[in-house]
């Protein structure tokens, strides 16, 4: 009689969902950092240092979101080229990431409203 190991009760993370989810997390945190920095403002010296840190952090997170989201989008394009069906979860996450990145860059442009003003 052969003994089998009990299967794990935790589901394994699917990399096709994890990568776009990480990209969406980066984009959301970047947008939150930029919004918080904009809300704090840069009028007095104490809040100006926090404003600068939050704006830099927000843009670094958005760049990470673009890189990771781009990798996830390439994976989806490869599925299309190979005529495989697109998985729904990663497609929704990549689309949401793109929307968050575009809306954030429109609301907080690198040169203009919050970036380098003052």
Protein backbone atom coordinates (compact mmCIF):
# COMPACT_ATOMS: atom_id res chain seq x y z
CA UNK A 1 0.00 0.00 0.00
CA UNK A 2 1.44 3.29 -1.08
CA UNK A 3 1.31 6.30 1.22
CA UNK A 4 0.51 9.64 -0.27
CA UNK A 5 1.29 12.97 1.28
CA UNK A 6 -1.76 15.03 2.20
CA UNK A 7 -2.34 17.90 -0.14
CA UNK A 8 -1.92 21.40 1.13
CA UNK A 9 -5.09 23.18 2.15
CA UNK A 10 -3.76 26.51 0.86
CA UNK A 11 -4.25 27.20 -2.83
CA UNK A 12 -1.10 27.82 -4.81
CA UNK A 13 -0.62 31.32 -6.14
CA UNK A 14 -0.99 31.48 -9.90
CA UNK A 15 1.74 33.63 -11.43
CA UNK A 16 -0.60 34.77 -14.17
CA UNK A 17 -2.66 36.56 -11.51
CA UNK A 18 0.08 37.52 -9.06
CA UNK A 19 2.14 39.60 -11.50
CA UNK A 20 -0.74 41.86 -12.66
CA UNK A 21 -1.96 42.12 -9.05
CA UNK A 22 1.47 43.36 -7.97
CA UNK A 23 1.41 45.90 -10.82
CA UNK A 24 -2.01 47.13 -9.70
CA UNK A 25 -0.73 47.39 -6.13
CA UNK A 26 2.24 49.47 -7.25
CA UNK A 27 -0.02 51.74 -9.33
CA UNK A 28 -2.53 52.20 -6.52
CA UNK A 29 0.15 52.94 -3.91
CA UNK A 30 1.84 55.36 -6.30
CA UNK A 31 -1.43 57.18 -6.90
CA UNK A 32 -2.09 57.32 -3.15
CA UNK A 33 1.40 58.71 -2.48
CA UNK A 34 0.97 61.42 -5.13
CA UNK A 35 -2.50 62.33 -3.86
CA UNK A 36 -1.27 62.51 -0.27
CA UNK A 37 1.71 64.63 -1.29
CA UNK A 38 -0.57 66.96 -3.20
CA UNK A 39 -2.94 67.23 -0.25
CA UNK A 40 -0.09 68.04 2.16
CA UNK A 41 1.30 70.72 -0.10
CA UNK A 42 4.64 72.48 0.00
CA UNK A 43 3.88 75.86 1.57
CA UNK A 44 5.85 75.53 4.79
CA UNK A 45 9.30 73.93 5.29
CA UNK A 46 8.04 71.07 7.45
CA UNK A 47 5.44 69.84 4.98
CA UNK A 48 7.69 70.53 1.99
CA UNK A 49 10.12 67.73 2.87
CA UNK A 50 7.27 65.26 3.29
CA UNK A 51 5.74 66.51 0.02
CA UNK A 52 8.99 65.88 -1.85
CA UNK A 53 9.39 62.39 -0.40
CA UNK A 54 5.81 61.44 -1.27
CA UNK A 55 6.04 62.77 -4.83
CA UNK A 56 9.30 60.90 -5.46
CA UNK A 57 7.89 57.73 -3.88
CA UNK A 58 4.71 58.05 -5.96
CA UNK A 59 6.62 58.32 -9.22
CA UNK A 60 8.96 55.46 -8.33
CA UNK A 61 5.95 53.26 -7.60
CA UNK A 62 4.29 54.28 -10.87
CA UNK A 63 7.44 53.40 -12.81
CA UNK A 64 7.50 50.00 -11.09
CA UNK A 65 3.83 49.55 -12.02
CA UNK A 66 4.61 50.35 -15.66
CA UNK A 67 7.46 47.83 -15.75
CA UNK A 68 5.60 45.01 -14.01
CA UNK A 69 2.34 45.78 -15.80
CA UNK A 70 4.18 45.87 -19.11
CA UNK A 71 5.56 42.40 -18.44
CA UNK A 72 2.05 41.17 -17.65
CA UNK A 73 0.70 42.81 -20.82
CA UNK A 74 3.42 41.14 -22.90
CA UNK A 75 2.33 37.81 -21.45
CA UNK A 76 -1.26 38.50 -22.52
CA UNK A 77 -0.16 39.54 -26.01
CA UNK A 78 1.81 36.32 -26.32
CA UNK A 79 -1.37 34.41 -25.45
CA UNK A 80 -3.24 36.28 -28.19
CA UNK A 81 -0.51 35.59 -30.75
CA UNK A 82 -0.47 31.90 -29.80
CA UNK A 83 -4.29 31.85 -30.13
CA UNK A 84 -4.80 30.76 -26.56
CA UNK A 85 -7.84 31.99 -24.68
CA UNK A 86 -7.16 35.02 -22.52
CA UNK A 87 -7.51 34.41 -18.79
CA UNK A 88 -10.13 36.73 -17.34
CA UNK A 89 -8.38 37.61 -14.06
CA UNK A 90 -5.07 38.85 -15.49
CA UNK A 91 -6.86 40.69 -18.30
CA UNK A 92 -9.01 42.63 -15.82
CA UNK A 93 -6.00 43.37 -13.59
CA UNK A 94 -3.84 44.62 -16.47
CA UNK A 95 -6.70 46.81 -17.69
CA UNK A 96 -7.27 48.22 -14.20
CA UNK A 97 -3.54 48.88 -13.82
CA UNK A 98 -3.49 50.75 -17.13
CA UNK A 99 -6.49 52.85 -16.10
CA UNK A 100 -4.93 53.75 -12.72
CA UNK A 101 -1.60 54.68 -14.34
CA UNK A 102 -3.23 56.84 -17.03
CA UNK A 103 -5.56 58.62 -14.61
CA UNK A 104 -2.72 59.24 -12.16
CA UNK A 105 -0.39 60.66 -14.79
CA UNK A 106 -3.19 62.93 -16.05
CA UNK A 107 -4.06 64.12 -12.53
CA UNK A 108 -0.44 64.52 -11.35
CA UNK A 109 1.80 65.23 -14.36
CA UNK A 110 5.53 64.91 -13.83
CA UNK A 111 6.07 68.47 -15.02
CA UNK A 112 3.34 70.80 -13.94
CA UNK A 113 0.86 70.71 -11.10
CA UNK A 114 2.72 68.81 -8.39
CA UNK A 115 6.01 67.85 -9.94
CA UNK A 116 8.66 70.47 -9.28
CA UNK A 117 6.22 73.29 -8.59
CA UNK A 118 7.33 75.89 -6.05
